Amino acid sequence: MPSIAVVITLLLVLLLLWSLRRLYRACRRANRVDWGRGWMNTLDGLNRLFCYRYHRLNALGLRLPRQGPAIVVANHVSGLDPMLLFASARRPLRFLIAREEYRRFGLTWLFRAIGCIPVDREKRPEQALREALRCLREGEVLALFPHGRIHLDSDPPRPIKGGAIRLSQLTGAPILPHRISGVRGEGHVIRGVLLRGRARIRADSPIYPEDYSREQLLPLVQAVLDGRE
């Protein structure tokens, strides 16, 4: 007869398999974006469960057009921010990220799979610009953090970078500004993901490049991201 230890181990394995099966089904039900691969759709659902149930993200989604190009911009308060934006979107997002982040150990495969565009700001930034322009001209949605790095309201004011403005004016894609708040671990990469908060994303009205000059667009977008609008 099998020993008690063997029976307990078998029961624990069966319980684990049952739990994983339930989690898999929950992830598939939560999935809202077709990424073209089953495992990525499952990961999409897992991220939504994590953001909505653990971080208690508000139900308001990103204000995206049903089709056509768009540029999502948001303030950057923690390492949780990209996950919140992905969870709130009903279309795939192509993130522009710094090359050093793209090459972060153990994550490059994921960044490549979700279509992130690495930006080498010192050597050949024009490569990322060309790829971003191609994506927009093909009707995709780009996402980026114009502050360039984590920046809190309590920090000294940091001017936003003009990449989103330039891309918008070159392609005619609207800029969709969003403001993130309620992240408990703000100011940190890992703590922002681990500490449970009440994450909020506030969507502002789309900004169309033909309505403003470059000199008007920069302060307009900055005001939304800084919470002054």
C-alpha atoms as a PDB file:
ATOM      1  CA  MET A   1       0.000   0.000   0.000  1.00  0.00           C
ATOM      2  CA  PRO A   2       1.236   3.520  -0.765  1.00  0.00           C
ATOM      3  CA  SER A   3       2.475   5.456   2.209  1.00  0.00           C
ATOM      4  CA  ILE A   4       0.593   8.445   3.605  1.00  0.00           C
ATOM      5  CA  ALA A   5       3.303  10.747   2.248  1.00  0.00           C
ATOM      6  CA  VAL A   6       2.788   9.447  -1.290  1.00  0.00           C
ATOM      7  CA  VAL A   7      -0.978   9.871  -1.049  1.00  0.00           C
ATOM      8  CA  ILE A   8      -0.637  13.422   0.270  1.00  0.00           C
ATOM      9  CA  THR A   9       1.842  14.296  -2.487  1.00  0.00           C
ATOM     10  CA  LEU A  10      -0.502  12.894  -5.135  1.00  0.00           C
ATOM     11  CA  LEU A  11      -3.420  14.861  -3.722  1.00  0.00           C
ATOM     12  CA  LEU A  12      -1.362  18.067  -3.692  1.00  0.00           C
ATOM     13  CA  VAL A  13      -0.318  17.511  -7.319  1.00  0.00           C
ATOM     14  CA  LEU A  14      -3.942  16.944  -8.339  1.00  0.00           C
ATOM     15  CA  LEU A  15      -4.999  20.058  -6.442  1.00  0.00           C
ATOM     16  CA  LEU A  16      -2.287  22.081  -8.173  1.00  0.00           C
ATOM     17  CA  LEU A  17      -3.330  20.817 -11.605  1.00  0.00           C
ATOM     18  CA  TRP A  18      -6.988  21.572 -10.832  1.00  0.00           C
ATOM     19  CA  SER A  19      -6.056  25.102  -9.684  1.00  0.00           C
ATOM     20  CA  LEU A  20      -3.956  25.727 -12.781  1.00  0.00           C
ATOM     21  CA  ARG A  21      -6.798  24.549 -14.998  1.00  0.00           C
ATOM     22  CA  ARG A  22      -9.213  26.940 -13.269  1.00  0.00           C
ATOM     23  CA  LEU A  23      -6.718  29.785 -13.603  1.00  0.00           C
ATOM     24  CA  TYR A  24      -6.231  29.018 -17.300  1.00  0.00           C
ATOM     25  CA  ARG A  25      -9.982  29.118 -17.914  1.00  0.00           C
ATOM     26  CA  ALA A  26     -10.309  32.370 -15.986  1.00  0.00           C
ATOM     27  CA  CYS A  27      -7.525  33.910 -18.048  1.00  0.00           C
ATOM     28  CA  ARG A  28      -9.177  32.874 -21.286  1.00  0.00           C
ATOM     29  CA  ARG A  29     -12.473  34.397 -20.162  1.00  0.00           C
ATOM     30  CA  ALA A  30     -10.747  37.634 -19.145  1.00  0.00           C
ATOM     31  CA  ASN A  31      -8.884  37.973 -22.456  1.00  0.00           C
ATOM     32  CA  ARG A  32     -10.104  40.935 -24.529  1.00  0.00           C
ATOM     33  CA  VAL A  33      -7.461  41.326 -27.265  1.00  0.00           C
ATOM     34  CA  ASP A  34      -6.493  38.839 -29.953  1.00  0.00           C
ATOM     35  CA  TRP A  35      -2.685  38.849 -30.065  1.00  0.00           C
ATOM     36  CA  GLY A  36      -2.588  36.126 -32.713  1.00  0.00           C
ATOM     37  CA  ARG A  37      -1.184  33.461 -30.369  1.00  0.00           C
ATOM     38  CA  GLY A  38      -3.029  31.404 -27.792  1.00  0.00           C
ATOM     39  CA  TRP A  39      -0.427  31.761 -25.052  1.00  0.00           C
ATOM     40  CA  MET A  40      -0.331  35.538 -25.501  1.00  0.00           C
ATOM     41  CA  ASN A  41      -4.112  35.735 -25.277  1.00  0.00           C
ATOM     42  CA  THR A  42      -3.897  33.748 -22.035  1.00  0.00           C
ATOM     43  CA  LEU A  43      -1.228  36.131 -20.753  1.00  0.00           C
ATOM     44  CA  ASP A  44      -3.451  39.068 -21.713  1.00  0.00           C
ATOM     45  CA  GLY A  45      -6.233  37.607 -19.576  1.00  0.00           C
ATOM     46  CA  LEU A  46      -3.866  36.965 -16.672  1.00  0.00           C
ATOM     47  CA  ASN A  47      -2.668  40.575 -16.752  1.00  0.00           C
ATOM     48  CA  ARG A  48      -6.261  41.845 -16.747  1.00  0.00           C
ATOM     49  CA  LEU A  49      -7.136  39.658 -13.759  1.00  0.00           C
ATOM     50  CA  PHE A  50      -4.063  40.912 -11.925  1.00  0.00           C
ATOM     51  CA  CYS A  51      -4.744  44.578 -12.628  1.00  0.00           C
ATOM     52  CA  TYR A  52      -8.508  44.574 -12.089  1.00  0.00           C
ATOM     53  CA  ARG A  53      -8.729  42.201  -9.132  1.00  0.00           C
ATOM     54  CA  TYR A  54      -5.465  42.692  -7.286  1.00  0.00           C
ATOM     55  CA  HIS A  55      -4.741  46.342  -8.082  1.00  0.00           C
ATOM     56  CA  ARG A  56      -8.464  47.203  -8.262  1.00  0.00           C
ATOM     57  CA  LEU A  57      -8.067  49.118 -11.507  1.00  0.00           C
ATOM     58  CA  ASN A  58     -11.134  51.187 -12.401  1.00  0.00           C
ATOM     59  CA  ALA A  59     -13.309  49.836 -15.189  1.00  0.00           C
ATOM     60  CA  LEU A  60     -12.799  52.818 -17.509  1.00  0.00           C
ATOM     61  CA  GLY A  61     -10.817  51.601 -20.517  1.00  0.00           C
ATOM     62  CA  LEU A  62      -8.422  53.473 -22.745  1.00  0.00           C
ATOM     63  CA  ARG A  63     -10.201  55.801 -25.137  1.00  0.00           C
ATOM     64  CA  LEU A  64      -9.097  54.099 -28.350  1.00  0.00           C
ATOM     65  CA  PRO A  65     -10.661  54.377 -31.796  1.00  0.00           C
ATOM     66  CA  ARG A  66     -12.082  51.111 -33.067  1.00  0.00           C
ATOM     67  CA  GLN A  67      -9.631  51.170 -35.957  1.00  0.00           C
ATOM     68  CA  GLY A  68      -6.888  53.326 -37.394  1.00  0.00           C
ATOM     69  CA  PRO A  69      -3.712  54.766 -35.884  1.00  0.00           C
ATOM     70  CA  ALA A  70      -3.492  56.360 -32.460  1.00  0.00           C
ATOM     71  CA  ILE A  71      -0.805  57.397 -29.984  1.00  0.00           C
ATOM     72  CA  VAL A  72      -1.458  56.654 -26.308  1.00  0.00           C
ATOM     73  CA  VAL A  73       0.538  58.780 -23.871  1.00  0.00           C
ATOM     74  CA  ALA A  74       0.471  58.660 -20.068  1.00  0.00           C
ATOM     75  CA  ASN A  75       2.371  59.808 -17.032  1.00  0.00           C
ATOM     76  CA  HIS A  76       4.841  57.266 -15.639  1.00  0.00           C
ATOM     77  CA  VAL A  77       4.701  56.594 -11.888  1.00  0.00           C
ATOM     78  CA  SER A  78       5.865  52.972 -11.502  1.00  0.00           C
ATOM     79  CA  GLY A  79       6.731  49.670 -13.137  1.00  0.00           C
ATOM     80  CA  LEU A  80       3.048  48.763 -13.080  1.00  0.00           C
ATOM     81  CA  ASP A  81       2.044  51.425 -15.607  1.00  0.00           C
ATOM     82  CA  PRO A  82       2.488  49.416 -18.850  1.00  0.00           C
ATOM     83  CA  MET A  83       0.509  46.536 -17.353  1.00  0.00           C
ATOM     84  CA  LEU A  84      -2.334  48.906 -16.463  1.00  0.00           C
ATOM     85  CA  LEU A  85      -2.434  50.309 -19.984  1.00  0.00           C
ATOM     86  CA  PHE A  86      -2.421  46.830 -21.539  1.00  0.00           C
ATOM     87  CA  ALA A  87      -5.226  45.757 -19.199  1.00  0.00           C
ATOM     88  CA  SER A  88      -7.333  48.789 -20.144  1.00  0.00           C
ATOM     89  CA  ALA A  89      -6.927  48.442 -23.910  1.00  0.00           C
ATOM     90  CA  ARG A  90      -9.217  46.649 -26.343  1.00  0.00           C
ATOM     91  CA  ARG A  91      -6.567  46.739 -29.065  1.00  0.00           C
ATOM     92  CA  PRO A  92      -2.901  45.640 -29.069  1.00  0.00           C
ATOM     93  CA  LEU A  93      -0.465  48.345 -27.958  1.00  0.00           C
ATOM     94  CA  ARG A  94       3.029  48.778 -29.411  1.00  0.00           C
ATOM     95  CA  PHE A  95       5.218  50.330 -26.724  1.00  0.00           C
ATOM     96  CA  LEU A  96       8.248  52.471 -27.409  1.00  0.00           C
ATOM     97  CA  ILE A  97      10.779  51.613 -24.703  1.00  0.00           C
ATOM     98  CA  ALA A  98      14.443  52.361 -24.031  1.00  0.00           C
ATOM     99  CA  ARG A  99      16.810  49.744 -25.421  1.00  0.00           C
ATOM    100  CA  GLU A 100      18.288  49.082 -21.976  1.00  0.00           C
ATOM    101  CA  GLU A 101      14.810  48.175 -20.743  1.00  0.00           C
ATOM    102  CA  TYR A 102      14.165  46.052 -23.838  1.00  0.00           C
ATOM    103  CA  ARG A 103      17.311  44.052 -23.028  1.00  0.00           C
ATOM    104  CA  ARG A 104      16.421  43.547 -19.373  1.00  0.00           C
ATOM    105  CA  PHE A 105      17.415  40.006 -18.369  1.00  0.00           C
ATOM    106  CA  GLY A 106      14.626  37.475 -18.789  1.00  0.00           C
ATOM    107  CA  LEU A 107      12.141  39.878 -20.390  1.00  0.00           C
ATOM    108  CA  THR A 108      13.432  40.448 -23.922  1.00  0.00           C
ATOM    109  CA  TRP A 109      11.395  37.518 -25.255  1.00  0.00           C
ATOM    110  CA  LEU A 110       8.210  39.052 -23.854  1.00  0.00           C
ATOM    111  CA  PHE A 111       8.942  42.556 -25.145  1.00  0.00           C
ATOM    112  CA  ARG A 112       9.631  41.091 -28.576  1.00  0.00           C
ATOM    113  CA  ALA A 113       6.442  38.995 -28.537  1.00  0.00           C
ATOM    114  CA  ILE A 114       4.188  41.972 -27.743  1.00  0.00           C
ATOM    115  CA  GLY A 115       5.857  44.120 -30.384  1.00  0.00           C
ATOM    116  CA  CYS A 116       7.745  46.645 -28.266  1.00  0.00           C
ATOM    117  CA  ILE A 117       9.954  49.010 -30.243  1.00  0.00           C
ATOM    118  CA  PRO A 118      13.380  49.553 -28.608  1.00  0.00           C
ATOM    119  CA  VAL A 119      14.789  53.080 -28.761  1.00  0.00           C
ATOM    120  CA  ASP A 120      18.558  53.563 -28.773  1.00  0.00           C
ATOM    121  CA  ARG A 121      18.679  57.202 -27.781  1.00  0.00           C
ATOM    122  CA  GLU A 122      22.468  57.509 -28.113  1.00  0.00           C
ATOM    123  CA  LYS A 123      23.338  55.704 -31.338  1.00  0.00           C
ATOM    124  CA  ARG A 124      20.503  55.265 -33.854  1.00  0.00           C
ATOM    125  CA  PRO A 125      17.184  56.669 -32.588  1.00  0.00           C
ATOM    126  CA  GLU A 126      16.017  57.104 -36.187  1.00  0.00           C
ATOM    127  CA  GLN A 127      15.531  53.331 -36.458  1.00  0.00           C
ATOM    128  CA  ALA A 128      12.833  53.396 -33.798  1.00  0.00           C
ATOM    129  CA  LEU A 129      11.279  56.446 -35.444  1.00  0.00           C
ATOM    130  CA  ARG A 130      11.012  54.647 -38.788  1.00  0.00           C
ATOM    131  CA  GLU A 131       9.450  51.578 -37.156  1.00  0.00           C
ATOM    132  CA  ALA A 132       6.987  53.721 -35.207  1.00  0.00           C
ATOM    133  CA  LEU A 133       5.980  55.586 -38.373  1.00  0.00           C
ATOM    134  CA  ARG A 134       5.472  52.296 -40.199  1.00  0.00           C
ATOM    135  CA  CYS A 135       3.227  50.979 -37.413  1.00  0.00           C
ATOM    136  CA  LEU A 136       1.091  54.109 -37.383  1.00  0.00           C
ATOM    137  CA  ARG A 137       0.761  54.144 -41.150  1.00  0.00           C
ATOM    138  CA  GLU A 138      -0.448  50.552 -40.947  1.00  0.00           C
ATOM    139  CA  GLY A 139      -3.149  51.587 -38.468  1.00  0.00           C
ATOM    140  CA  GLU A 140      -1.629  50.331 -35.226  1.00  0.00           C
ATOM    141  CA  VAL A 141      -1.674  51.913 -31.763  1.00  0.00           C
ATOM    142  CA  LEU A 142       1.572  53.176 -30.235  1.00  0.00           C
ATOM    143  CA  ALA A 143       2.022  53.804 -26.512  1.00  0.00           C
ATOM    144  CA  LEU A 144       4.752  55.730 -24.735  1.00  0.00           C
ATOM    145  CA  PHE A 145       5.598  57.683 -21.604  1.00  0.00           C
ATOM    146  CA  PRO A 146       6.671  61.186 -22.711  1.00  0.00           C
ATOM    147  CA  HIS A 147       8.394  61.937 -19.398  1.00  0.00           C
ATOM    148  CA  GLY A 148      10.938  59.319 -20.447  1.00  0.00           C
ATOM    149  CA  ARG A 149      11.240  57.743 -16.995  1.00  0.00           C
ATOM    150  CA  ILE A 150       9.340  57.429 -13.712  1.00  0.00           C
ATOM    151  CA  HIS A 151       8.254  60.908 -12.660  1.00  0.00           C
ATOM    152  CA  LEU A 152       6.012  61.831  -9.722  1.00  0.00           C
ATOM    153  CA  ASP A 153       3.979  64.949  -9.131  1.00  0.00           C
ATOM    154  CA  SER A 154       6.118  65.648  -6.056  1.00  0.00           C
ATOM    155  CA  ASP A 155       9.300  65.723  -8.149  1.00  0.00           C
ATOM    156  CA  PRO A 156      10.650  68.921  -9.709  1.00  0.00           C
ATOM    157  CA  PRO A 157       8.769  69.556 -12.969  1.00  0.00           C
ATOM    158  CA  ARG A 158      10.190  67.500 -15.834  1.00  0.00           C
ATOM    159  CA  PRO A 159       9.387  68.615 -19.412  1.00  0.00           C
ATOM    160  CA  ILE A 160       7.987  65.859 -21.595  1.00  0.00           C
ATOM    161  CA  LYS A 161       9.819  64.680 -24.690  1.00  0.00           C
ATOM    162  CA  GLY A 162       8.413  65.628 -28.074  1.00  0.00           C
ATOM    163  CA  GLY A 163       8.440  62.199 -29.747  1.00  0.00           C
ATOM    164  CA  ALA A 164       4.682  61.676 -29.548  1.00  0.00           C
ATOM    165  CA  ILE A 165       4.058  65.165 -30.924  1.00  0.00           C
ATOM    166  CA  ARG A 166       6.385  64.580 -33.860  1.00  0.00           C
ATOM    167  CA  LEU A 167       4.871  61.185 -34.691  1.00  0.00           C
ATOM    168  CA  SER A 168       1.380  62.652 -34.517  1.00  0.00           C
ATOM    169  CA  GLN A 169       2.205  65.526 -36.848  1.00  0.00           C
ATOM    170  CA  LEU A 170       3.956  63.236 -39.340  1.00  0.00           C
ATOM    171  CA  THR A 171       1.099  60.725 -39.547  1.00  0.00           C
ATOM    172  CA  GLY A 172      -2.022  62.623 -38.485  1.00  0.00           C
ATOM    173  CA  ALA A 173      -2.640  60.075 -35.707  1.00  0.00           C
ATOM    174  CA  PRO A 174      -4.494  61.535 -32.706  1.00  0.00           C
ATOM    175  CA  ILE A 175      -2.776  61.736 -29.341  1.00  0.00           C
ATOM    176  CA  LEU A 176      -4.779  60.069 -26.575  1.00  0.00           C
ATOM    177  CA  PRO A 177      -3.577  61.394 -23.185  1.00  0.00           C
ATOM    178  CA  HIS A 178      -4.216  59.381 -20.015  1.00  0.00           C
ATOM    179  CA  ARG A 179      -3.314  59.964 -16.401  1.00  0.00           C
ATOM    180  CA  ILE A 180      -2.416  57.127 -14.018  1.00  0.00           C
ATOM    181  CA  SER A 181      -2.948  57.416 -10.267  1.00  0.00           C
ATOM    182  CA  GLY A 182      -3.680  55.268  -7.216  1.00  0.00           C
ATOM    183  CA  VAL A 183      -0.556  53.096  -7.505  1.00  0.00           C
ATOM    184  CA  ARG A 184       0.619  52.354  -3.982  1.00  0.00           C
ATOM    185  CA  GLY A 185       4.235  51.653  -4.892  1.00  0.00           C
ATOM    186  CA  GLU A 186       4.650  54.772  -7.013  1.00  0.00           C
ATOM    187  CA  GLY A 187       8.207  55.828  -7.648  1.00  0.00           C
ATOM    188  CA  HIS A 188       9.429  52.228  -7.838  1.00  0.00           C
ATOM    189  CA  VAL A 189       9.534  49.537 -10.503  1.00  0.00           C
ATOM    190  CA  ILE A 190       9.055  46.311  -8.519  1.00  0.00           C
ATOM    191  CA  ARG A 191       7.172  47.751  -5.538  1.00  0.00           C
ATOM    192  CA  GLY A 192       4.686  49.317  -7.924  1.00  0.00           C
ATOM    193  CA  VAL A 193       3.830  45.847  -9.233  1.00  0.00           C
ATOM    194  CA  LEU A 194       3.778  44.048  -5.873  1.00  0.00           C
ATOM    195  CA  LEU A 195       2.066  46.506  -3.527  1.00  0.00           C
ATOM    196  CA  ARG A 196      -1.705  46.474  -3.808  1.00  0.00           C
ATOM    197  CA  GLY A 197      -3.305  49.815  -4.518  1.00  0.00           C
ATOM    198  CA  ARG A 198      -6.386  51.288  -6.161  1.00  0.00           C
ATOM    199  CA  ALA A 199      -5.107  52.017  -9.631  1.00  0.00           C
ATOM    200  CA  ARG A 200      -6.943  54.578 -11.711  1.00  0.00           C
ATOM    201  CA  ILE A 201      -6.637  55.632 -15.340  1.00  0.00           C
ATOM    202  CA  ARG A 202      -8.334  58.838 -16.434  1.00  0.00           C
ATOM    203  CA  ALA A 203      -8.811  59.355 -20.149  1.00  0.00           C
ATOM    204  CA  ASP A 204      -8.800  62.856 -21.591  1.00  0.00           C
ATOM    205  CA  SER A 205     -10.177  64.000 -24.929  1.00  0.00           C
ATOM    206  CA  PRO A 206      -8.219  63.038 -28.059  1.00  0.00           C
ATOM    207  CA  ILE A 207      -5.872  65.709 -29.369  1.00  0.00           C
ATOM    208  CA  TYR A 208      -5.705  66.048 -33.160  1.00  0.00           C
ATOM    209  CA  PRO A 209      -2.482  67.451 -34.600  1.00  0.00           C
ATOM    210  CA  GLU A 210      -4.174  69.514 -37.288  1.00  0.00           C
ATOM    211  CA  ASP A 211      -5.879  71.607 -34.606  1.00  0.00           C
ATOM    212  CA  TYR A 212      -2.677  72.842 -32.936  1.00  0.00           C
ATOM    213  CA  SER A 213       0.883  73.902 -33.659  1.00  0.00           C
ATOM    214  CA  ARG A 214       3.819  72.047 -32.122  1.00  0.00           C
ATOM    215  CA  GLU A 215       4.292  74.903 -29.659  1.00  0.00           C
ATOM    216  CA  GLN A 216       0.688  74.455 -28.501  1.00  0.00           C
ATOM    217  CA  LEU A 217       0.713  70.658 -28.410  1.00  0.00           C
ATOM    218  CA  LEU A 218       3.603  70.216 -25.980  1.00  0.00           C
ATOM    219  CA  PRO A 219       2.153  72.230 -23.075  1.00  0.00           C
ATOM    220  CA  LEU A 220      -1.329  70.849 -23.769  1.00  0.00           C
ATOM    221  CA  VAL A 221      -0.194  67.228 -23.427  1.00  0.00           C
ATOM    222  CA  GLN A 222       2.073  68.108 -20.490  1.00  0.00           C
ATOM    223  CA  ALA A 223      -0.834  69.662 -18.586  1.00  0.00           C
ATOM    224  CA  VAL A 224      -2.928  66.481 -18.896  1.00  0.00           C
ATOM    225  CA  LEU A 225      -0.118  64.165 -17.825  1.00  0.00           C
ATOM    226  CA  ASP A 226       0.755  66.383 -14.867  1.00  0.00           C
ATOM    227  CA  GLY A 227      -2.858  66.546 -13.710  1.00  0.00           C
ATOM    228  CA  ARG A 228      -3.328  70.233 -14.422  1.00  0.00           C
ATOM    229  CA  GLU A 229      -6.244  69.681 -16.828  1.00  0.00           C
END
